[in-house]
Each structure stands twice: as structure tokens, then as C-alpha cells.
Amino acid sequence: MEEKNFFERVYEVVRQIPKGKVTSYGAIAKSVGASKSARMVGYAMNSAKDLEDVPAHRVVNRNGLLTGKSHFEDHNAMQEMLEEEGVPVKDLKVQNFEKYFWDPMRDLK
């Protein structure tokens, strides 16, 4: 699998996450046919920081933790952007994660 191709497929999914929703690295990996590649999705999100049309702040870990926050210039930016969209975050974790979780396997069908 060519890396750029993988990253582009990841970005296509991330661009479709609705405002006010989040998804996980693993859910994205599964949706692009690479279920064991959650870490590669993380690398793709890190590389997306200059892509304004890729809402990387909506991608969290499988427990709802904002593990990608360190990749933003302002370490509070990820939480602030999610809260502006109505996603409650406390102690760097999305609250009521199941309510705000967007599943690309289900929602992109």
C-alpha cells in the first residue's frame, strides 16, 4: 500500500466527519480497509496539520482521549475546536463518547 494513497484515503474519510462528531483512529483504519493500521492513521493526521480541509481535531483515540492534541500549535486548540462544535471535553476526554462517536463504516454506507 503506497503511503500517500493511504493518507489520501484517510483524509477522504476525515473530511466527512460531521461537525459536532468525533471518530477514532481505528474506526478510520477499518473504513479504509486497513483495520490494523490505527497508528498509520495517526501519522496521517499528524501530516494533515497544514491541510485546512481535513478536520483532524475530530479524530480521537478509541476511548475518546485527545491524543492528537500535541500536534496542534496550541495544545488547547483541539479541545477548543471540539467544544465550539458542541462536543463536551473534560480532562482531555470526550464526554458521552458514544453519543458523539461517528462510525464511518456505518455512516458512509
PDB file of N, CA and C in Angstrom:
ATOM      1  N   MET A   1       0.844  -1.174   0.000  1.00  0.00           N
ATOM      2  CA  MET A   1       0.000   0.000   0.000  1.00  0.00           C
ATOM      3  C   MET A   1       0.890   1.238   0.000  1.00  0.00           C
ATOM      4  N   GLU A   2       0.728   2.058  -0.972  1.00  0.00           N
ATOM      5  CA  GLU A   2       1.532   3.275  -1.076  1.00  0.00           C
ATOM      6  C   GLU A   2       1.092   4.268   0.005  1.00  0.00           C
ATOM      7  N   GLU A   3       2.062   4.851   0.702  1.00  0.00           N
ATOM      8  CA  GLU A   3       1.759   5.719   1.844  1.00  0.00           C
ATOM      9  C   GLU A   3       0.850   6.891   1.470  1.00  0.00           C
ATOM     10  N   LYS A   4       1.176   7.606   0.415  1.00  0.00           N
ATOM     11  CA  LYS A   4       0.367   8.767   0.026  1.00  0.00           C
ATOM     12  C   LYS A   4      -1.059   8.341  -0.286  1.00  0.00           C
ATOM     13  N   ASN A   5      -1.200   7.228  -0.962  1.00  0.00           N
ATOM     14  CA  ASN A   5      -2.512   6.701  -1.269  1.00  0.00           C
ATOM     15  C   ASN A   5      -3.305   6.444   0.007  1.00  0.00           C
ATOM     16  N   PHE A   6      -2.657   5.824   0.983  1.00  0.00           N
ATOM     17  CA  PHE A   6      -3.292   5.537   2.269  1.00  0.00           C
ATOM     18  C   PHE A   6      -3.698   6.846   2.943  1.00  0.00           C
ATOM     19  N   PHE A   7      -2.789   7.803   3.008  1.00  0.00           N
ATOM     20  CA  PHE A   7      -3.070   9.085   3.645  1.00  0.00           C
ATOM     21  C   PHE A   7      -4.258   9.763   2.962  1.00  0.00           C
ATOM     22  N   GLU A   8      -4.295   9.758   1.643  1.00  0.00           N
ATOM     23  CA  GLU A   8      -5.400  10.396   0.914  1.00  0.00           C
ATOM     24  C   GLU A   8      -6.724   9.710   1.230  1.00  0.00           C
ATOM     25  N   ARG A   9      -6.716   8.385   1.331  1.00  0.00           N
ATOM     26  CA  ARG A   9      -7.949   7.663   1.675  1.00  0.00           C
ATOM     27  C   ARG A   9      -8.399   8.036   3.088  1.00  0.00           C
ATOM     28  N   VAL A  10      -7.443   8.181   3.993  1.00  0.00           N
ATOM     29  CA  VAL A  10      -7.761   8.603   5.354  1.00  0.00           C
ATOM     30  C   VAL A  10      -8.369  10.008   5.326  1.00  0.00           C
ATOM     31  N   TYR A  11      -7.752  10.910   4.595  1.00  0.00           N
ATOM     32  CA  TYR A  11      -8.249  12.288   4.540  1.00  0.00           C
ATOM     33  C   TYR A  11      -9.654  12.357   3.962  1.00  0.00           C
ATOM     34  N   GLU A  12      -9.952  11.513   2.979  1.00  0.00           N
ATOM     35  CA  GLU A  12     -11.294  11.478   2.398  1.00  0.00           C
ATOM     36  C   GLU A  12     -12.333  11.146   3.466  1.00  0.00           C
ATOM     37  N   VAL A  13     -12.009  10.209   4.345  1.00  0.00           N
ATOM     38  CA  VAL A  13     -12.927   9.836   5.424  1.00  0.00           C
ATOM     39  C   VAL A  13     -13.034  10.977   6.434  1.00  0.00           C
ATOM     40  N   VAL A  14     -11.903  11.518   6.851  1.00  0.00           N
ATOM     41  CA  VAL A  14     -11.898  12.567   7.879  1.00  0.00           C
ATOM     42  C   VAL A  14     -12.668  13.803   7.410  1.00  0.00           C
ATOM     43  N   ARG A  15     -12.571  14.120   6.141  1.00  0.00           N
ATOM     44  CA  ARG A  15     -13.301  15.279   5.611  1.00  0.00           C
ATOM     45  C   ARG A  15     -14.812  15.126   5.762  1.00  0.00           C
ATOM     46  N   GLN A  16     -15.281  13.893   5.935  1.00  0.00           N
ATOM     47  CA  GLN A  16     -16.718  13.636   6.016  1.00  0.00           C
ATOM     48  C   GLN A  16     -17.255  13.562   7.450  1.00  0.00           C
ATOM     49  N   ILE A  17     -16.381  13.663   8.437  1.00  0.00           N
ATOM     50  CA  ILE A  17     -16.846  13.652   9.826  1.00  0.00           C
ATOM     51  C   ILE A  17     -17.665  14.922  10.054  1.00  0.00           C
ATOM     52  N   PRO A  18     -18.911  14.770  10.452  1.00  0.00           N
ATOM     53  CA  PRO A  18     -19.747  15.968  10.637  1.00  0.00           C
ATOM     54  C   PRO A  18     -19.285  16.822  11.821  1.00  0.00           C
ATOM     55  N   LYS A  19     -19.565  18.112  11.747  1.00  0.00           N
ATOM     56  CA  LYS A  19     -19.312  18.990  12.890  1.00  0.00           C
ATOM     57  C   LYS A  19     -20.072  18.443  14.083  1.00  0.00           C
ATOM     58  N   GLY A  20     -19.448  18.509  15.246  1.00  0.00           N
ATOM     59  CA  GLY A  20     -20.099  18.032  16.456  1.00  0.00           C
ATOM     60  C   GLY A  20     -19.979  16.536  16.662  1.00  0.00           C
ATOM     61  N   LYS A  21     -19.172  15.872  15.839  1.00  0.00           N
ATOM     62  CA  LYS A  21     -18.945  14.429  15.963  1.00  0.00           C
ATOM     63  C   LYS A  21     -17.448  14.162  15.998  1.00  0.00           C
ATOM     64  N   VAL A  22     -17.079  13.004  16.514  1.00  0.00           N
ATOM     65  CA  VAL A  22     -15.687  12.554  16.518  1.00  0.00           C
ATOM     66  C   VAL A  22     -15.653  11.105  16.072  1.00  0.00           C
ATOM     67  N   THR A  23     -14.492  10.668  15.643  1.00  0.00           N
ATOM     68  CA  THR A  23     -14.296   9.252  15.347  1.00  0.00           C
ATOM     69  C   THR A  23     -12.901   8.875  15.832  1.00  0.00           C
ATOM     70  N   SER A  24     -12.582   7.594  15.728  1.00  0.00           N
ATOM     71  CA  SER A  24     -11.295   7.118  16.247  1.00  0.00           C
ATOM     72  C   SER A  24     -10.350   6.727  15.116  1.00  0.00           C
ATOM     73  N   TYR A  25      -9.086   6.675  15.461  1.00  0.00           N
ATOM     74  CA  TYR A  25      -8.061   6.244  14.503  1.00  0.00           C
ATOM     75  C   TYR A  25      -8.402   4.851  13.971  1.00  0.00           C
ATOM     76  N   GLY A  26      -8.796   3.964  14.876  1.00  0.00           N
ATOM     77  CA  GLY A  26      -9.120   2.590  14.485  1.00  0.00           C
ATOM     78  C   GLY A  26     -10.324   2.503  13.573  1.00  0.00           C
ATOM     79  N   ALA A  27     -11.349   3.308  13.846  1.00  0.00           N
ATOM     80  CA  ALA A  27     -12.550   3.293  13.001  1.00  0.00           C
ATOM     81  C   ALA A  27     -12.218   3.763  11.590  1.00  0.00           C
ATOM     82  N   ILE A  28     -11.346   4.755  11.494  1.00  0.00           N
ATOM     83  CA  ILE A  28     -10.927   5.233  10.174  1.00  0.00           C
ATOM     84  C   ILE A  28     -10.125   4.150   9.467  1.00  0.00           C
ATOM     85  N   ALA A  29      -9.186   3.541  10.183  1.00  0.00           N
ATOM     86  CA  ALA A  29      -8.364   2.477   9.582  1.00  0.00           C
ATOM     87  C   ALA A  29      -9.250   1.359   9.041  1.00  0.00           C
ATOM     88  N   LYS A  30     -10.216   0.946   9.831  1.00  0.00           N
ATOM     89  CA  LYS A  30     -11.131  -0.114   9.407  1.00  0.00           C
ATOM     90  C   LYS A  30     -11.905   0.304   8.157  1.00  0.00           C
ATOM     91  N   SER A  31     -12.331   1.563   8.112  1.00  0.00           N
ATOM     92  CA  SER A  31     -13.148   2.022   6.990  1.00  0.00           C
ATOM     93  C   SER A  31     -12.370   2.114   5.679  1.00  0.00           C
ATOM     94  N   VAL A  32     -11.039   2.230   5.754  1.00  0.00           N
ATOM     95  CA  VAL A  32     -10.240   2.273   4.525  1.00  0.00           C
ATOM     96  C   VAL A  32      -9.630   0.905   4.214  1.00  0.00           C
ATOM     97  N   GLY A  33     -10.101  -0.132   4.929  1.00  0.00           N
ATOM     98  CA  GLY A  33      -9.668  -1.493   4.647  1.00  0.00           C
ATOM     99  C   GLY A  33      -8.322  -1.866   5.230  1.00  0.00           C
ATOM    100  N   ALA A  34      -7.915  -1.178   6.293  1.00  0.00           N
ATOM    101  CA  ALA A  34      -6.623  -1.457   6.931  1.00  0.00           C
ATOM    102  C   ALA A  34      -6.814  -1.480   8.445  1.00  0.00           C
ATOM    103  N   SER A  35      -7.631  -2.408   8.918  1.00  0.00           N
ATOM    104  CA  SER A  35      -8.073  -2.409  10.313  1.00  0.00           C
ATOM    105  C   SER A  35      -6.959  -2.434  11.349  1.00  0.00           C
ATOM    106  N   LYS A  36      -5.785  -2.900  10.987  1.00  0.00           N
ATOM    107  CA  LYS A  36      -4.671  -2.957  11.937  1.00  0.00           C
ATOM    108  C   LYS A  36      -3.751  -1.733  11.843  1.00  0.00           C
ATOM    109  N   SER A  37      -4.210  -0.701  11.167  1.00  0.00           N
ATOM    110  CA  SER A  37      -3.342   0.447  10.872  1.00  0.00           C
ATOM    111  C   SER A  37      -3.762   1.740  11.569  1.00  0.00           C
ATOM    112  N   ALA A  38      -4.296   1.632  12.773  1.00  0.00           N
ATOM    113  CA  ALA A  38      -4.711   2.836  13.514  1.00  0.00           C
ATOM    114  C   ALA A  38      -3.537   3.793  13.702  1.00  0.00           C
ATOM    115  N   ARG A  39      -2.363   3.251  13.962  1.00  0.00           N
ATOM    116  CA  ARG A  39      -1.191   4.113  14.156  1.00  0.00           C
ATOM    117  C   ARG A  39      -0.848   4.879  12.879  1.00  0.00           C
ATOM    118  N   MET A  40      -0.995   4.230  11.729  1.00  0.00           N
ATOM    119  CA  MET A  40      -0.746   4.915  10.455  1.00  0.00           C
ATOM    120  C   MET A  40      -1.752   6.045  10.243  1.00  0.00           C
ATOM    121  N   VAL A  41      -2.987   5.853  10.711  1.00  0.00           N
ATOM    122  CA  VAL A  41      -3.973   6.924  10.644  1.00  0.00           C
ATOM    123  C   VAL A  41      -3.482   8.100  11.484  1.00  0.00           C
ATOM    124  N   GLY A  42      -2.886   7.804  12.629  1.00  0.00           N
ATOM    125  CA  GLY A  42      -2.301   8.851  13.469  1.00  0.00           C
ATOM    126  C   GLY A  42      -1.207   9.608  12.736  1.00  0.00           C
ATOM    127  N   TYR A  43      -0.372   8.892  12.018  1.00  0.00           N
ATOM    128  CA  TYR A  43       0.680   9.553  11.229  1.00  0.00           C
ATOM    129  C   TYR A  43       0.058  10.448  10.158  1.00  0.00           C
ATOM    130  N   ALA A  44      -1.023   9.959   9.549  1.00  0.00           N
ATOM    131  CA  ALA A  44      -1.708  10.750   8.527  1.00  0.00           C
ATOM    132  C   ALA A  44      -2.278  12.026   9.142  1.00  0.00           C
ATOM    133  N   MET A  45      -2.851  11.909  10.334  1.00  0.00           N
ATOM    134  CA  MET A  45      -3.414  13.093  10.995  1.00  0.00           C
ATOM    135  C   MET A  45      -2.313  14.093  11.341  1.00  0.00           C
ATOM    136  N   ASN A  46      -1.169  13.595  11.771  1.00  0.00           N
ATOM    137  CA  ASN A  46      -0.042  14.480  12.072  1.00  0.00           C
ATOM    138  C   ASN A  46       0.405  15.218  10.811  1.00  0.00           C
ATOM    139  N   SER A  47       0.380  14.527   9.692  1.00  0.00           N
ATOM    140  CA  SER A  47       0.792  15.142   8.422  1.00  0.00           C
ATOM    141  C   SER A  47      -0.265  16.082   7.863  1.00  0.00           C
ATOM    142  N   ALA A  48      -1.465  16.052   8.421  1.00  0.00           N
ATOM    143  CA  ALA A  48      -2.570  16.861   7.888  1.00  0.00           C
ATOM    144  C   ALA A  48      -2.648  18.239   8.513  1.00  0.00           C
ATOM    145  N   LYS A  49      -1.726  18.565   9.405  1.00  0.00           N
ATOM    146  CA  LYS A  49      -1.885  19.822  10.144  1.00  0.00           C
ATOM    147  C   LYS A  49      -1.898  21.060   9.264  1.00  0.00           C
ATOM    148  N   ASP A  50      -1.355  20.983   8.064  1.00  0.00           N
ATOM    149  CA  ASP A  50      -1.375  22.129   7.154  1.00  0.00           C
ATOM    150  C   ASP A  50      -2.521  22.049   6.140  1.00  0.00           C
ATOM    151  N   LEU A  51      -3.319  21.017   6.238  1.00  0.00           N
ATOM    152  CA  LEU A  51      -4.450  20.849   5.314  1.00  0.00           C
ATOM    153  C   LEU A  51      -5.712  21.374   5.991  1.00  0.00           C
ATOM    154  N   GLU A  52      -6.112  22.573   5.633  1.00  0.00           N
ATOM    155  CA  GLU A  52      -7.243  23.216   6.291  1.00  0.00           C
ATOM    156  C   GLU A  52      -8.566  22.483   6.090  1.00  0.00           C
ATOM    157  N   ASP A  53      -8.667  21.684   5.022  1.00  0.00           N
ATOM    158  CA  ASP A  53      -9.926  20.993   4.755  1.00  0.00           C
ATOM    159  C   ASP A  53     -10.005  19.618   5.418  1.00  0.00           C
ATOM    160  N   VAL A  54      -9.030  19.273   6.259  1.00  0.00           N
ATOM    161  CA  VAL A  54      -9.033  17.995   6.976  1.00  0.00           C
ATOM    162  C   VAL A  54      -9.205  18.301   8.468  1.00  0.00           C
ATOM    163  N   PRO A  55     -10.409  18.068   9.022  1.00  0.00           N
ATOM    164  CA  PRO A  55     -10.671  18.395  10.425  1.00  0.00           C
ATOM    165  C   PRO A  55     -10.064  17.371  11.391  1.00  0.00           C
ATOM    166  N   ALA A  56      -8.755  17.396  11.506  1.00  0.00           N
ATOM    167  CA  ALA A  56      -8.033  16.421  12.325  1.00  0.00           C
ATOM    168  C   ALA A  56      -8.441  16.476  13.795  1.00  0.00           C
ATOM    169  N   HIS A  57      -8.966  17.611  14.249  1.00  0.00           N
ATOM    170  CA  HIS A  57      -9.378  17.727  15.655  1.00  0.00           C
ATOM    171  C   HIS A  57     -10.535  16.797  15.992  1.00  0.00           C
ATOM    172  N   ARG A  58     -11.205  16.252  14.993  1.00  0.00           N
ATOM    173  CA  ARG A  58     -12.340  15.348  15.218  1.00  0.00           C
ATOM    174  C   ARG A  58     -11.910  13.889  15.333  1.00  0.00           C
ATOM    175  N   VAL A  59     -10.614  13.628  15.332  1.00  0.00           N
ATOM    176  CA  VAL A  59     -10.112  12.257  15.428  1.00  0.00           C
ATOM    177  C   VAL A  59      -9.458  12.076  16.788  1.00  0.00           C
ATOM    178  N   VAL A  60      -9.979  11.112  17.554  1.00  0.00           N
ATOM    179  CA  VAL A  60      -9.510  10.840  18.911  1.00  0.00           C
ATOM    180  C   VAL A  60      -9.185   9.353  19.038  1.00  0.00           C
ATOM    181  N   ASN A  61      -8.671   8.953  20.193  1.00  0.00           N
ATOM    182  CA  ASN A  61      -8.379   7.522  20.332  1.00  0.00           C
ATOM    183  C   ASN A  61      -9.657   6.752  20.669  1.00  0.00           C
ATOM    184  N   ARG A  62      -9.548   5.443  20.764  1.00  0.00           N
ATOM    185  CA  ARG A  62     -10.739   4.590  20.918  1.00  0.00           C
ATOM    186  C   ARG A  62     -11.490   4.822  22.223  1.00  0.00           C
ATOM    187  N   ASN A  63     -10.857   5.500  23.179  1.00  0.00           N
ATOM    188  CA  ASN A  63     -11.509   5.821  24.448  1.00  0.00           C
ATOM    189  C   ASN A  63     -11.999   7.261  24.505  1.00  0.00           C
ATOM    190  N   GLY A  64     -11.825   7.991  23.413  1.00  0.00           N
ATOM    191  CA  GLY A  64     -12.263   9.377  23.381  1.00  0.00           C
ATOM    192  C   GLY A  64     -11.221  10.370  23.868  1.00  0.00           C
ATOM    193  N   LEU A  65     -10.004   9.911  24.094  1.00  0.00           N
ATOM    194  CA  LEU A  65      -8.938  10.805  24.553  1.00  0.00           C
ATOM    195  C   LEU A  65      -8.376  11.633  23.396  1.00  0.00           C
ATOM    196  N   LEU A  66      -8.046  12.886  23.691  1.00  0.00           N
ATOM    197  CA  LEU A  66      -7.488  13.788  22.684  1.00  0.00           C
ATOM    198  C   LEU A  66      -5.988  13.552  22.549  1.00  0.00           C
ATOM    199  N   THR A  67      -5.612  12.394  22.066  1.00  0.00           N
ATOM    200  CA  THR A  67      -4.200  12.028  21.981  1.00  0.00           C
ATOM    201  C   THR A  67      -3.458  12.811  20.908  1.00  0.00           C
ATOM    202  N   GLY A  68      -4.167  13.435  19.980  1.00  0.00           N
ATOM    203  CA  GLY A  68      -3.514  14.192  18.918  1.00  0.00           C
ATOM    204  C   GLY A  68      -3.277  15.649  19.255  1.00  0.00           C
ATOM    205  N   LYS A  69      -3.631  16.077  20.453  1.00  0.00           N
ATOM    206  CA  LYS A  69      -3.567  17.495  20.796  1.00  0.00           C
ATOM    207  C   LYS A  69      -2.172  18.082  20.683  1.00  0.00           C
ATOM    208  N   SER A  70      -1.153  17.267  20.897  1.00  0.00           N
ATOM    209  CA  SER A  70       0.226  17.773  20.858  1.00  0.00           C
ATOM    210  C   SER A  70       0.665  18.150  19.440  1.00  0.00           C
ATOM    211  N   HIS A  71      -0.091  17.715  18.444  1.00  0.00           N
ATOM    212  CA  HIS A  71       0.268  18.016  17.062  1.00  0.00           C
ATOM    213  C   HIS A  71      -0.289  19.352  16.579  1.00  0.00           C
ATOM    214  N   PHE A  72      -1.069  20.008  17.434  1.00  0.00           N
ATOM    215  CA  PHE A  72      -1.586  21.333  17.110  1.00  0.00           C
ATOM    216  C   PHE A  72      -0.637  22.366  17.699  1.00  0.00           C
ATOM    217  N   GLU A  73      -0.514  23.510  17.031  1.00  0.00           N
ATOM    218  CA  GLU A  73       0.393  24.564  17.522  1.00  0.00           C
ATOM    219  C   GLU A  73       0.056  24.945  18.950  1.00  0.00           C
ATOM    220  N   ASP A  74      -1.218  25.150  19.224  1.00  0.00           N
ATOM    221  CA  ASP A  74      -1.692  25.453  20.571  1.00  0.00           C
ATOM    222  C   ASP A  74      -2.248  24.147  21.144  1.00  0.00           C
ATOM    223  N   HIS A  75      -1.685  23.686  22.244  1.00  0.00           N
ATOM    224  CA  HIS A  75      -2.092  22.383  22.803  1.00  0.00           C
ATOM    225  C   HIS A  75      -3.547  22.356  23.269  1.00  0.00           C
ATOM    226  N   ASN A  76      -4.179  23.514  23.406  1.00  0.00           N
ATOM    227  CA  ASN A  76      -5.590  23.567  23.783  1.00  0.00           C
ATOM    228  C   ASN A  76      -6.507  23.648  22.569  1.00  0.00           C
ATOM    229  N   ALA A  77      -5.918  23.805  21.388  1.00  0.00           N
ATOM    230  CA  ALA A  77      -6.708  24.042  20.175  1.00  0.00           C
ATOM    231  C   ALA A  77      -7.686  22.906  19.879  1.00  0.00           C
ATOM    232  N   MET A  78      -7.252  21.685  20.019  1.00  0.00           N
ATOM    233  CA  MET A  78      -8.111  20.547  19.690  1.00  0.00           C
ATOM    234  C   MET A  78      -9.364  20.568  20.573  1.00  0.00           C
ATOM    235  N   GLN A  79      -9.164  20.732  21.872  1.00  0.00           N
ATOM    236  CA  GLN A  79     -10.298  20.786  22.792  1.00  0.00           C
ATOM    237  C   GLN A  79     -11.196  21.979  22.491  1.00  0.00           C
ATOM    238  N   GLU A  80     -10.603  23.122  22.251  1.00  0.00           N
ATOM    239  CA  GLU A  80     -11.391  24.331  21.971  1.00  0.00           C
ATOM    240  C   GLU A  80     -12.231  24.169  20.708  1.00  0.00           C
ATOM    241  N   MET A  81     -11.642  23.587  19.656  1.00  0.00           N
ATOM    242  CA  MET A  81     -12.385  23.398  18.405  1.00  0.00           C
ATOM    243  C   MET A  81     -13.550  22.434  18.602  1.00  0.00           C
ATOM    244  N   LEU A  82     -13.314  21.357  19.358  1.00  0.00           N
ATOM    245  CA  LEU A  82     -14.396  20.403  19.615  1.00  0.00           C
ATOM    246  C   LEU A  82     -15.504  21.048  20.437  1.00  0.00           C
ATOM    247  N   GLU A  83     -15.126  21.793  21.468  1.00  0.00           N
ATOM    248  CA  GLU A  83     -16.132  22.442  22.308  1.00  0.00           C
ATOM    249  C   GLU A  83     -16.939  23.467  21.521  1.00  0.00           C
ATOM    250  N   GLU A  84     -16.284  24.186  20.592  1.00  0.00           N
ATOM    251  CA  GLU A  84     -17.002  25.133  19.736  1.00  0.00           C
ATOM    252  C   GLU A  84     -18.049  24.424  18.879  1.00  0.00           C
ATOM    253  N   GLU A  85     -17.806  23.157  18.574  1.00  0.00           N
ATOM    254  CA  GLU A  85     -18.740  22.366  17.761  1.00  0.00           C
ATOM    255  C   GLU A  85     -19.773  21.647  18.630  1.00  0.00           C
ATOM    256  N   GLY A  86     -19.711  21.859  19.951  1.00  0.00           N
ATOM    257  CA  GLY A  86     -20.691  21.251  20.841  1.00  0.00           C
ATOM    258  C   GLY A  86     -20.292  19.919  21.429  1.00  0.00           C
ATOM    259  N   VAL A  87     -19.053  19.513  21.257  1.00  0.00           N
ATOM    260  CA  VAL A  87     -18.574  18.249  21.815  1.00  0.00           C
ATOM    261  C   VAL A  87     -17.972  18.538  23.197  1.00  0.00           C
ATOM    262  N   PRO A  88     -18.563  17.990  24.254  1.00  0.00           N
ATOM    263  CA  PRO A  88     -18.038  18.263  25.594  1.00  0.00           C
ATOM    264  C   PRO A  88     -16.752  17.485  25.866  1.00  0.00           C
ATOM    265  N   VAL A  89     -15.745  18.198  26.385  1.00  0.00           N
ATOM    266  CA  VAL A  89     -14.448  17.584  26.688  1.00  0.00           C
ATOM    267  C   VAL A  89     -14.084  17.937  28.120  1.00  0.00           C
ATOM    268  N   LYS A  90     -13.678  16.935  28.881  1.00  0.00           N
ATOM    269  CA  LYS A  90     -13.232  17.153  30.250  1.00  0.00           C
ATOM    270  C   LYS A  90     -12.013  16.285  30.488  1.00  0.00           C
ATOM    271  N   ASP A  91     -10.976  16.863  31.074  1.00  0.00           N
ATOM    272  CA  ASP A  91      -9.733  16.135  31.336  1.00  0.00           C
ATOM    273  C   ASP A  91      -9.207  15.466  30.067  1.00  0.00           C
ATOM    274  N   LEU A  92      -9.256  16.216  28.954  1.00  0.00           N
ATOM    275  CA  LEU A  92      -8.754  15.770  27.641  1.00  0.00           C
ATOM    276  C   LEU A  92      -9.489  14.546  27.098  1.00  0.00           C
ATOM    277  N   LYS A  93     -10.732  14.355  27.529  1.00  0.00           N
ATOM    278  CA  LYS A  93     -11.517  13.210  27.068  1.00  0.00           C
ATOM    279  C   LYS A  93     -12.914  13.676  26.657  1.00  0.00           C
ATOM    280  N   VAL A  94     -13.367  13.165  25.500  1.00  0.00           N
ATOM    281  CA  VAL A  94     -14.720  13.464  25.043  1.00  0.00           C
ATOM    282  C   VAL A  94     -15.698  12.816  26.023  1.00  0.00           C
ATOM    283  N   GLN A  95     -16.611  13.619  26.533  1.00  0.00           N
ATOM    284  CA  GLN A  95     -17.636  13.111  27.443  1.00  0.00           C
ATOM    285  C   GLN A  95     -18.777  12.504  26.622  1.00  0.00           C
ATOM    286  N   ASN A  96     -19.435  11.490  27.187  1.00  0.00           N
ATOM    287  CA  ASN A  96     -20.510  10.786  26.459  1.00  0.00           C
ATOM    288  C   ASN A  96     -20.026  10.384  25.062  1.00  0.00           C
ATOM    289  N   PHE A  97     -18.860   9.770  25.020  1.00  0.00           N
ATOM    290  CA  PHE A  97     -18.190   9.434  23.755  1.00  0.00           C
ATOM    291  C   PHE A  97     -19.116   8.736  22.765  1.00  0.00           C
ATOM    292  N   GLU A  98     -19.924   7.801  23.248  1.00  0.00           N
ATOM    293  CA  GLU A  98     -20.812   7.040  22.358  1.00  0.00           C
ATOM    294  C   GLU A  98     -21.795   7.970  21.641  1.00  0.00           C
ATOM    295  N   LYS A  99     -22.256   9.006  22.336  1.00  0.00           N
ATOM    296  CA  LYS A  99     -23.222   9.953  21.752  1.00  0.00           C
ATOM    297  C   LYS A  99     -22.603  10.748  20.608  1.00  0.00           C
ATOM    298  N   TYR A 100     -21.326  11.063  20.718  1.00  0.00           N
ATOM    299  CA  TYR A 100     -20.661  11.915  19.733  1.00  0.00           C
ATOM    300  C   TYR A 100     -19.843  11.121  18.712  1.00  0.00           C
ATOM    301  N   PHE A 101     -19.798   9.812  18.886  1.00  0.00           N
ATOM    302  CA  PHE A 101     -18.978   8.968  18.004  1.00  0.00           C
ATOM    303  C   PHE A 101     -19.649   8.816  16.644  1.00  0.00           C
ATOM    304  N   TRP A 102     -18.869   9.055  15.603  1.00  0.00           N
ATOM    305  CA  TRP A 102     -19.316   8.887  14.212  1.00  0.00           C
ATOM    306  C   TRP A 102     -18.557   7.684  13.648  1.00  0.00           C
ATOM    307  N   ASP A 103     -19.299   6.686  13.215  1.00  0.00           N
ATOM    308  CA  ASP A 103     -18.710   5.449  12.697  1.00  0.00           C
ATOM    309  C   ASP A 103     -18.715   5.462  11.175  1.00  0.00           C
ATOM    310  N   PRO A 104     -17.543   5.635  10.564  1.00  0.00           N
ATOM    311  CA  PRO A 104     -17.511   5.703   9.094  1.00  0.00           C
ATOM    312  C   PRO A 104     -18.002   4.427   8.417  1.00  0.00           C
ATOM    313  N   MET A 105     -17.854   3.292   9.075  1.00  0.00           N
ATOM    314  CA  MET A 105     -18.342   2.036   8.472  1.00  0.00           C
ATOM    315  C   MET A 105     -19.866   2.036   8.384  1.00  0.00           C
ATOM    316  N   ARG A 106     -20.510   2.642   9.335  1.00  0.00           N
ATOM    317  CA  ARG A 106     -21.968   2.700   9.368  1.00  0.00           C
ATOM    318  C   ARG A 106     -22.475   3.919   8.610  1.00  0.00           C
ATOM    319  N   ASP A 107     -21.845   5.061   8.839  1.00  0.00           N
ATOM    320  CA  ASP A 107     -22.376   6.328   8.349  1.00  0.00           C
ATOM    321  C   ASP A 107     -21.979   6.680   6.926  1.00  0.00           C
ATOM    322  N   LEU A 108     -21.032   5.974   6.353  1.00  0.00           N
ATOM    323  CA  LEU A 108     -20.646   6.235   4.961  1.00  0.00           C
ATOM    324  C   LEU A 108     -21.246   5.233   3.987  1.00  0.00           C
ATOM    325  N   LYS A 109     -22.105   4.397   4.467  1.00  0.00           N
ATOM    326  CA  LYS A 109     -22.732   3.385   3.598  1.00  0.00           C
ATOM    327  C   LYS A 109     -23.730   4.019   2.643  1.00  0.00           C
TER     328      LYS A 109
END
